[in-house]
Amino acid sequence: MCRPDACQGSSAAPVPPPTSVSPSAPTPIQELRVPEAVAMGNHVFVKRDDLIPCALGGNKVRIAREFLRDLRARGCDALIMYGDLRSNLCRVLALLCHAAGVPCLMVATSEGDVTGPSFNQDVIGRLGVEVLACEKTNIAATVDLAFERLAAQGRRPYYIYGDRTGSGNEGVPANAYARAYEEICAQEQGMGTRFDLLVTPYGTGCTQGGLVCGSLRTGDDRQIVGISISSRPRERALAVLDATIRAWFEREGGELPADYLRHVNLRTEYTCGGYGSRDARVDALIEQMLVENGLPLDPTYTGKAFRGMLDYLKDQGICEKNVLFLHTGGTPLFYDYLSSTRGHANSN
């Protein structure tokens, strides 16, 4: 968040509202051919947030727009972002900040199966974003350094995750998918279809948390399942979801239902060992969805979560349901996958 001391003595002009944060039209919902699901009588649909026509698409476009709105509301004029070098969010923020004339700086770590620079990393580099690389154990100190550098330039920095420990700003990004939940409900009415389950990849928690908030606000009892692709321990991941939901209701001034935790369904058994890691079954699914549905999935986020969703349906004996999977994007990572597996797919 914008530090009070960082806002003093700045001569920088206020940030104009960037045109790139205007709302998009609802993203399409596509029914998929998924033999594993069909065998159990399930119908799988996908909401194509990867097709949001901005910054190479993905759920992070909705989330980044909320951060930029909050940045301007707080009177800040520079942005600090944190993520892995393959981060979809950091790619989107870098592009939107560039369009809006907002300087940004990235605090970056790296984990998982890294085979070389990603397309996301390449995009961030082409925009001239300064990257402060650090170990996971040194994030807070590096965030401090980022604040110092921007403040020394006369800027009023805004850290997307709140304080130096990454807490205190959970309600802002959650608003993106509290809004998107209303969009899904409107699309259901137009399609004449009711989705029994909504499934989303869980990374930072703000997408699943936002969907839960939207569901609670409408008063429905739909299952919203998060499939973790993260390295976060389960208890920490649940604590983040709890904080996200609480923060959104506090921010919106609404009454949090007493049984809200009953609506939190996070699965952490399908991570393949943590962020950036995958197995052969994930790769096989990515190939299948590309060939049979023309659907691009990536091995870091959507491919692993989709594989986990199918395993979850089977493990829980869930049959005869309409299931909506949220495609959270990561198209550059799909091309990373194609590049790294070139020549392998046809030989299998």
Protein backbone atom coordinates (compact mmCIF):
# COMPACT_ATOMS: atom_id res chain seq x y z
CA MET A 1 0.00 0.00 0.00
CA CYS A 2 1.05 3.62 -0.29
CA ARG A 3 3.19 4.52 2.72
CA PRO A 4 2.29 7.81 4.44
CA ASP A 5 5.95 8.89 4.62
CA ALA A 6 6.43 8.10 0.94
CA CYS A 7 3.65 10.54 0.04
CA GLN A 8 5.27 13.56 1.70
CA GLY A 9 7.33 16.06 -0.20
CA SER A 10 6.59 14.65 -3.66
CA SER A 11 6.61 17.04 -6.58
CA ALA A 12 5.32 14.48 -9.06
CA ALA A 13 2.08 15.29 -10.83
CA PRO A 14 -1.04 13.25 -9.98
CA VAL A 15 -1.53 10.16 -12.08
CA PRO A 16 -4.24 10.63 -14.73
CA PRO A 17 -6.87 7.89 -14.95
CA PRO A 18 -5.44 5.44 -17.50
CA THR A 19 -7.75 4.57 -20.36
CA SER A 20 -6.50 0.96 -20.27
CA VAL A 21 -8.43 0.12 -17.11
CA SER A 22 -11.87 0.49 -18.67
CA PRO A 23 -14.14 -2.54 -18.25
CA SER A 24 -14.19 -5.28 -20.86
CA ALA A 25 -17.23 -7.05 -22.26
CA PRO A 26 -18.09 -10.35 -20.54
CA THR A 27 -15.67 -13.09 -21.48
CA PRO A 28 -17.19 -16.06 -23.34
CA ILE A 29 -18.13 -19.40 -21.83
CA GLN A 30 -17.25 -22.45 -23.93
CA GLU A 31 -18.41 -26.04 -23.47
CA LEU A 32 -15.57 -28.53 -23.71
CA ARG A 33 -15.22 -32.11 -24.83
CA VAL A 34 -13.57 -33.83 -21.85
CA PRO A 35 -13.91 -37.64 -22.04
CA GLU A 36 -12.92 -38.14 -18.38
CA ALA A 37 -15.73 -35.87 -17.26
CA VAL A 38 -18.27 -37.21 -19.75
CA ALA A 39 -17.66 -40.72 -18.41
CA MET A 40 -19.04 -39.51 -15.07
CA GLY A 41 -21.95 -37.64 -16.62
CA ASN A 42 -20.36 -34.24 -16.01
CA HIS A 43 -20.46 -31.33 -18.44
CA VAL A 44 -17.40 -29.08 -18.31
CA PHE A 45 -17.49 -25.46 -19.40
CA VAL A 46 -14.69 -22.91 -19.35
CA LYS A 47 -14.96 -19.16 -18.82
CA ARG A 48 -12.33 -17.71 -21.12
CA ASP A 49 -10.78 -14.91 -19.11
CA ASP A 50 -7.64 -15.66 -21.10
CA LEU A 51 -9.43 -13.80 -23.93
CA ILE A 52 -9.72 -10.48 -22.09
CA PRO A 53 -8.51 -8.12 -24.85
CA CYS A 54 -5.83 -6.33 -22.86
CA ALA A 55 -2.23 -7.04 -21.78
CA LEU A 56 -2.34 -10.59 -23.25
CA GLY A 57 -5.42 -11.42 -21.20
CA GLY A 58 -6.09 -13.44 -18.06
CA ASN A 59 -7.64 -12.97 -14.64
CA LYS A 60 -4.77 -10.70 -13.69
CA VAL A 61 -6.16 -8.00 -15.98
CA ARG A 62 -9.26 -7.69 -13.79
CA ILE A 63 -7.08 -7.76 -10.67
CA ALA A 64 -4.53 -5.26 -11.99
CA ARG A 65 -7.32 -2.82 -12.80
CA GLU A 66 -8.43 -2.92 -9.17
CA PHE A 67 -4.88 -2.22 -7.98
CA LEU A 68 -4.57 0.77 -10.32
CA ARG A 69 -7.91 2.18 -9.18
CA ASP A 70 -6.76 1.85 -5.57
CA LEU A 71 -3.37 3.38 -6.35
CA ARG A 72 -5.03 6.50 -7.74
CA ALA A 73 -7.56 6.65 -4.90
CA ARG A 74 -4.69 6.68 -2.39
CA GLY A 75 -2.84 9.46 -4.21
CA CYS A 76 0.14 7.27 -5.11
CA ASP A 77 2.03 7.58 -8.39
CA ALA A 78 4.35 4.56 -8.63
CA LEU A 79 3.78 0.84 -8.18
CA ILE A 80 5.76 -1.97 -6.58
CA MET A 81 4.82 -5.48 -7.62
CA TYR A 82 6.03 -8.84 -6.40
CA GLY A 83 6.03 -12.22 -8.10
CA ASP A 84 7.90 -15.06 -9.67
CA LEU A 85 9.80 -14.26 -12.85
CA ARG A 86 7.02 -16.12 -14.76
CA SER A 87 4.26 -14.10 -13.06
CA ASN A 88 1.18 -13.34 -15.14
CA LEU A 89 0.21 -10.57 -12.73
CA CYS A 90 3.55 -8.80 -13.04
CA ARG A 91 3.38 -8.98 -16.84
CA VAL A 92 -0.10 -7.43 -16.83
CA LEU A 93 0.80 -4.76 -14.28
CA ALA A 94 3.90 -3.83 -16.24
CA LEU A 95 1.85 -3.38 -19.43
CA LEU A 96 -0.98 -1.44 -17.76
CA CYS A 97 1.42 0.77 -15.81
CA HIS A 98 3.33 1.52 -19.00
CA ALA A 99 0.09 2.49 -20.77
CA ALA A 100 -0.88 4.73 -17.85
CA GLY A 101 2.54 6.34 -17.43
CA VAL A 102 2.94 4.87 -13.94
CA PRO A 103 6.52 3.86 -13.04
CA CYS A 104 6.71 0.35 -11.64
CA LEU A 105 9.36 -1.79 -10.02
CA MET A 106 9.32 -5.58 -9.58
CA VAL A 107 10.50 -7.58 -6.60
CA ALA A 108 11.14 -11.03 -8.07
CA THR A 109 11.80 -14.56 -6.91
CA SER A 110 12.02 -17.82 -8.83
CA GLU A 111 11.02 -21.38 -7.94
CA GLY A 112 9.94 -24.65 -9.52
CA ASP A 113 11.04 -26.19 -12.80
CA VAL A 114 12.74 -23.27 -14.55
CA THR A 115 14.01 -24.13 -18.04
CA GLY A 116 14.94 -20.60 -19.09
CA PRO A 117 13.48 -17.10 -19.36
CA SER A 118 9.71 -17.05 -19.86
CA PHE A 119 7.76 -14.93 -22.31
CA ASN A 120 6.30 -13.07 -19.32
CA GLN A 121 9.81 -12.23 -18.14
CA ASP A 122 10.68 -11.14 -21.67
CA VAL A 123 7.69 -8.78 -21.86
CA ILE A 124 8.59 -7.21 -18.50
CA GLY A 125 12.16 -6.74 -19.67
CA ARG A 126 11.10 -5.10 -22.93
CA LEU A 127 9.14 -2.53 -20.94
CA GLY A 128 12.27 -1.53 -19.05
CA VAL A 129 10.91 -2.50 -15.64
CA GLU A 130 13.61 -2.55 -12.97
CA VAL A 131 13.69 -5.99 -11.36
CA LEU A 132 15.04 -6.53 -7.84
CA ALA A 133 15.74 -10.26 -7.58
CA CYS A 134 15.79 -11.85 -4.13
CA GLU A 135 15.37 -15.10 -2.27
CA LYS A 136 11.98 -15.98 -0.80
CA THR A 137 13.45 -15.36 2.66
CA ASN A 138 14.38 -11.77 1.78
CA ILE A 139 11.19 -10.40 0.22
CA ALA A 140 10.32 -7.89 2.96
CA ALA A 141 13.77 -6.30 2.96
CA THR A 142 13.68 -6.06 -0.83
CA VAL A 143 10.25 -4.41 -0.71
CA ASP A 144 11.79 -1.86 1.69
CA LEU A 145 14.55 -1.23 -0.84
CA ALA A 146 11.98 -0.72 -3.61
CA PHE A 147 10.14 1.87 -1.50
CA GLU A 148 13.41 3.66 -0.81
CA ARG A 149 14.39 3.79 -4.48
CA LEU A 150 11.07 5.19 -5.65
CA ALA A 151 10.76 7.64 -2.76
CA ALA A 152 14.25 8.94 -3.58
CA GLN A 153 12.90 9.80 -7.04
CA GLY A 154 10.15 11.90 -5.43
CA ARG A 155 7.53 9.22 -5.99
CA ARG A 156 4.67 8.02 -3.80
CA PRO A 157 4.98 4.23 -4.05
CA TYR A 158 2.12 1.76 -3.77
CA TYR A 159 2.85 -1.89 -2.92
CA ILE A 160 0.16 -4.15 -4.29
CA TYR A 161 0.19 -6.53 -1.30
CA GLY A 162 0.01 -3.92 1.46
CA ASP A 163 2.81 -3.81 4.03
CA ARG A 164 6.34 -5.17 3.72
CA THR A 165 5.14 -8.63 4.85
CA GLY A 166 2.52 -8.82 2.10
CA SER A 167 -0.52 -8.19 4.28
CA GLY A 168 -3.17 -5.49 4.50
CA ASN A 169 -4.45 -5.11 0.95
CA GLU A 170 -6.37 -8.34 0.42
CA GLY A 171 -9.78 -6.77 -0.18
CA VAL A 172 -8.71 -4.74 -3.21
CA PRO A 173 -7.90 -7.55 -5.68
CA ALA A 174 -10.79 -9.66 -4.36
CA ASN A 175 -13.18 -7.05 -5.70
CA ALA A 176 -12.25 -8.07 -9.25
CA TYR A 177 -13.85 -11.49 -8.93
CA ALA A 178 -16.66 -10.41 -6.65
CA ARG A 179 -17.68 -8.35 -9.70
CA ALA A 180 -16.92 -11.21 -12.09
CA TYR A 181 -19.24 -13.48 -10.10
CA GLU A 182 -22.14 -11.21 -11.04
CA GLU A 183 -21.04 -11.51 -14.67
CA ILE A 184 -21.14 -15.31 -14.43
CA CYS A 185 -24.64 -15.23 -12.92
CA ALA A 186 -25.87 -13.01 -15.75
CA GLN A 187 -24.35 -15.38 -18.31
CA GLU A 188 -26.08 -18.34 -16.67
CA GLN A 189 -29.42 -16.62 -17.13
CA GLY A 190 -28.65 -15.91 -20.76
CA MET A 191 -27.59 -19.52 -21.40
CA GLY A 192 -30.38 -21.08 -19.40
CA THR A 193 -27.77 -23.15 -17.57
CA ARG A 194 -26.93 -23.45 -13.90
CA PHE A 195 -23.34 -24.28 -12.95
CA ASP A 196 -23.21 -26.58 -9.92
CA LEU A 197 -19.49 -26.02 -9.31
CA LEU A 198 -17.12 -23.17 -10.10
CA VAL A 199 -13.47 -24.23 -10.16
CA THR A 200 -10.50 -21.86 -10.27
CA PRO A 201 -6.74 -22.16 -9.92
CA TYR A 202 -5.54 -20.94 -6.52
CA GLY A 203 -2.33 -18.94 -6.58
CA THR A 204 -2.50 -15.79 -4.48
CA GLY A 205 -6.04 -16.49 -3.29
CA CYS A 206 -7.66 -13.28 -4.50
CA THR A 207 -9.54 -14.90 -7.40
CA GLN A 208 -11.11 -17.68 -5.33
CA GLY A 209 -11.63 -15.27 -2.43
CA GLY A 210 -13.38 -12.80 -4.73
CA LEU A 211 -15.65 -15.49 -6.18
CA VAL A 212 -16.61 -16.59 -2.65
CA CYS A 213 -17.38 -12.96 -1.76
CA GLY A 214 -19.57 -12.61 -4.83
CA SER A 215 -21.39 -15.84 -4.00
CA LEU A 216 -21.94 -14.80 -0.39
CA ARG A 217 -23.24 -11.41 -1.50
CA THR A 218 -25.84 -13.03 -3.75
CA GLY A 219 -26.81 -15.49 -1.04
CA ASP A 220 -26.46 -18.63 -3.15
CA ASP A 221 -24.96 -21.91 -1.97
CA ARG A 222 -22.87 -22.88 -4.96
CA GLN A 223 -19.62 -24.79 -4.50
CA ILE A 224 -16.54 -22.74 -5.40
CA VAL A 225 -13.47 -24.94 -5.51
CA GLY A 226 -9.90 -23.68 -5.59
CA ILE A 227 -7.24 -26.01 -6.98
CA SER A 228 -3.93 -24.90 -5.54
CA ILE A 229 -0.98 -24.52 -7.90
CA SER A 230 1.00 -22.84 -5.13
CA SER A 231 3.80 -23.84 -2.77
CA ARG A 232 1.93 -22.36 0.19
CA PRO A 233 1.30 -24.76 3.07
CA ARG A 234 -2.40 -25.52 3.42
CA GLU A 235 -2.91 -23.63 6.69
CA ARG A 236 -1.24 -20.51 5.29
CA ALA A 237 -3.30 -20.73 2.10
CA LEU A 238 -6.55 -21.01 4.10
CA ALA A 239 -5.50 -18.09 6.30
CA VAL A 240 -4.99 -15.96 3.18
CA LEU A 241 -8.47 -16.86 1.91
CA ASP A 242 -9.95 -16.01 5.30
CA ALA A 243 -8.20 -12.64 5.37
CA THR A 244 -9.24 -11.92 1.79
CA ILE A 245 -12.93 -12.56 2.43
CA ARG A 246 -12.94 -10.61 5.68
CA ALA A 247 -11.10 -7.67 4.10
CA TRP A 248 -13.49 -7.47 1.17
CA PHE A 249 -16.59 -7.40 3.39
CA GLU A 250 -14.97 -4.78 5.63
CA ARG A 251 -14.05 -2.69 2.59
CA GLU A 252 -17.54 -2.94 1.12
CA GLY A 253 -19.28 -2.35 4.44
CA GLY A 254 -21.29 -5.56 4.18
CA GLU A 255 -22.18 -8.07 6.87
CA LEU A 256 -20.05 -11.20 6.71
CA PRO A 257 -22.23 -14.32 7.10
CA ALA A 258 -21.41 -16.30 10.21
CA ASP A 259 -21.00 -19.52 8.23
CA TYR A 260 -18.75 -18.03 5.53
CA LEU A 261 -15.96 -20.56 6.07
CA ARG A 262 -18.35 -23.30 4.95
CA HIS A 263 -18.09 -21.81 1.48
CA VAL A 264 -14.28 -22.13 1.32
CA ASN A 265 -13.19 -25.30 -0.49
CA LEU A 266 -9.46 -25.32 -1.20
CA ARG A 267 -7.74 -28.42 -2.55
CA THR A 268 -4.01 -28.63 -1.95
CA GLU A 269 -3.41 -32.27 -2.93
CA TYR A 270 -2.90 -31.62 -6.65
CA THR A 271 0.10 -29.25 -6.64
CA CYS A 272 2.64 -31.74 -8.08
CA GLY A 273 5.03 -30.55 -5.41
CA GLY A 274 4.54 -26.79 -5.57
CA TYR A 275 4.55 -23.72 -7.77
CA GLY A 276 6.10 -24.24 -11.18
CA SER A 277 6.28 -28.04 -10.82
CA ARG A 278 4.27 -30.48 -12.91
CA ASP A 279 4.15 -34.12 -13.98
CA ALA A 280 3.55 -36.05 -17.20
CA ARG A 281 -0.22 -36.17 -16.59
CA VAL A 282 -0.37 -32.37 -16.69
CA ASP A 283 1.50 -32.30 -19.99
CA ALA A 284 -0.76 -35.00 -21.45
CA LEU A 285 -3.85 -33.00 -20.49
CA ILE A 286 -2.46 -29.82 -22.05
CA GLU A 287 -1.89 -31.71 -25.31
CA GLN A 288 -5.39 -33.23 -25.18
CA MET A 289 -7.16 -29.92 -24.57
CA LEU A 290 -5.19 -28.24 -27.34
CA VAL A 291 -5.95 -30.96 -29.91
CA GLU A 292 -9.56 -31.70 -28.97
CA ASN A 293 -10.82 -28.25 -27.94
CA GLY A 294 -8.30 -25.73 -29.29
CA LEU A 295 -7.86 -24.63 -25.69
CA PRO A 296 -4.46 -23.28 -24.61
CA LEU A 297 -3.50 -24.30 -21.07
CA ASP A 298 -0.17 -23.74 -19.38
CA PRO A 299 1.73 -26.07 -17.02
CA THR A 300 2.18 -23.52 -14.20
CA TYR A 301 -1.42 -22.42 -13.64
CA THR A 302 -4.33 -23.54 -15.78
CA GLY A 303 -3.08 -26.91 -17.00
CA LYS A 304 -2.17 -28.10 -13.53
CA ALA A 305 -5.42 -26.77 -12.06
CA PHE A 306 -7.53 -28.36 -14.81
CA ARG A 307 -5.80 -31.70 -14.21
CA GLY A 308 -6.45 -31.28 -10.50
CA MET A 309 -10.10 -30.47 -11.15
CA LEU A 310 -10.62 -33.70 -13.08
CA ASP A 311 -8.92 -35.68 -10.33
CA TYR A 312 -11.04 -33.89 -7.71
CA LEU A 313 -14.27 -34.79 -9.52
CA LYS A 314 -13.19 -38.42 -9.66
CA ASP A 315 -11.87 -38.57 -6.09
CA GLN A 316 -15.06 -37.06 -4.69
CA GLY A 317 -17.36 -39.14 -6.87
CA ILE A 318 -19.00 -36.04 -8.34
CA CYS A 319 -21.32 -36.99 -11.18
CA GLU A 320 -24.05 -35.46 -13.35
CA LYS A 321 -22.96 -31.87 -12.70
CA ASN A 322 -22.37 -28.75 -14.75
CA VAL A 323 -18.85 -27.60 -13.93
CA LEU A 324 -17.44 -24.18 -14.85
CA PHE A 325 -13.64 -23.87 -14.91
CA LEU A 326 -12.24 -20.35 -14.81
CA HIS A 327 -9.46 -20.03 -17.39
CA THR A 328 -7.25 -17.51 -15.64
CA GLY A 329 -4.95 -16.96 -18.60
CA GLY A 330 -1.22 -17.33 -18.85
CA THR A 331 -1.08 -17.44 -22.65
CA PRO A 332 2.64 -16.46 -22.70
CA LEU A 333 3.31 -19.49 -20.47
CA PHE A 334 1.43 -21.68 -22.97
CA TYR A 335 3.93 -20.58 -25.59
CA ASP A 336 6.74 -21.29 -23.14
CA TYR A 337 5.33 -24.81 -22.93
CA LEU A 338 5.12 -25.19 -26.72
CA SER A 339 8.69 -23.98 -27.10
CA SER A 340 10.09 -26.28 -24.41
CA THR A 341 8.26 -29.38 -25.72
CA ARG A 342 8.76 -28.79 -29.44
CA GLY A 343 9.40 -32.12 -31.16
CA HIS A 344 8.32 -34.13 -28.11
CA ALA A 345 4.54 -34.21 -28.49
CA ASN A 346 4.42 -36.02 -31.84
CA SER A 347 6.95 -38.59 -30.70
CA ASN A 348 4.85 -39.74 -27.73
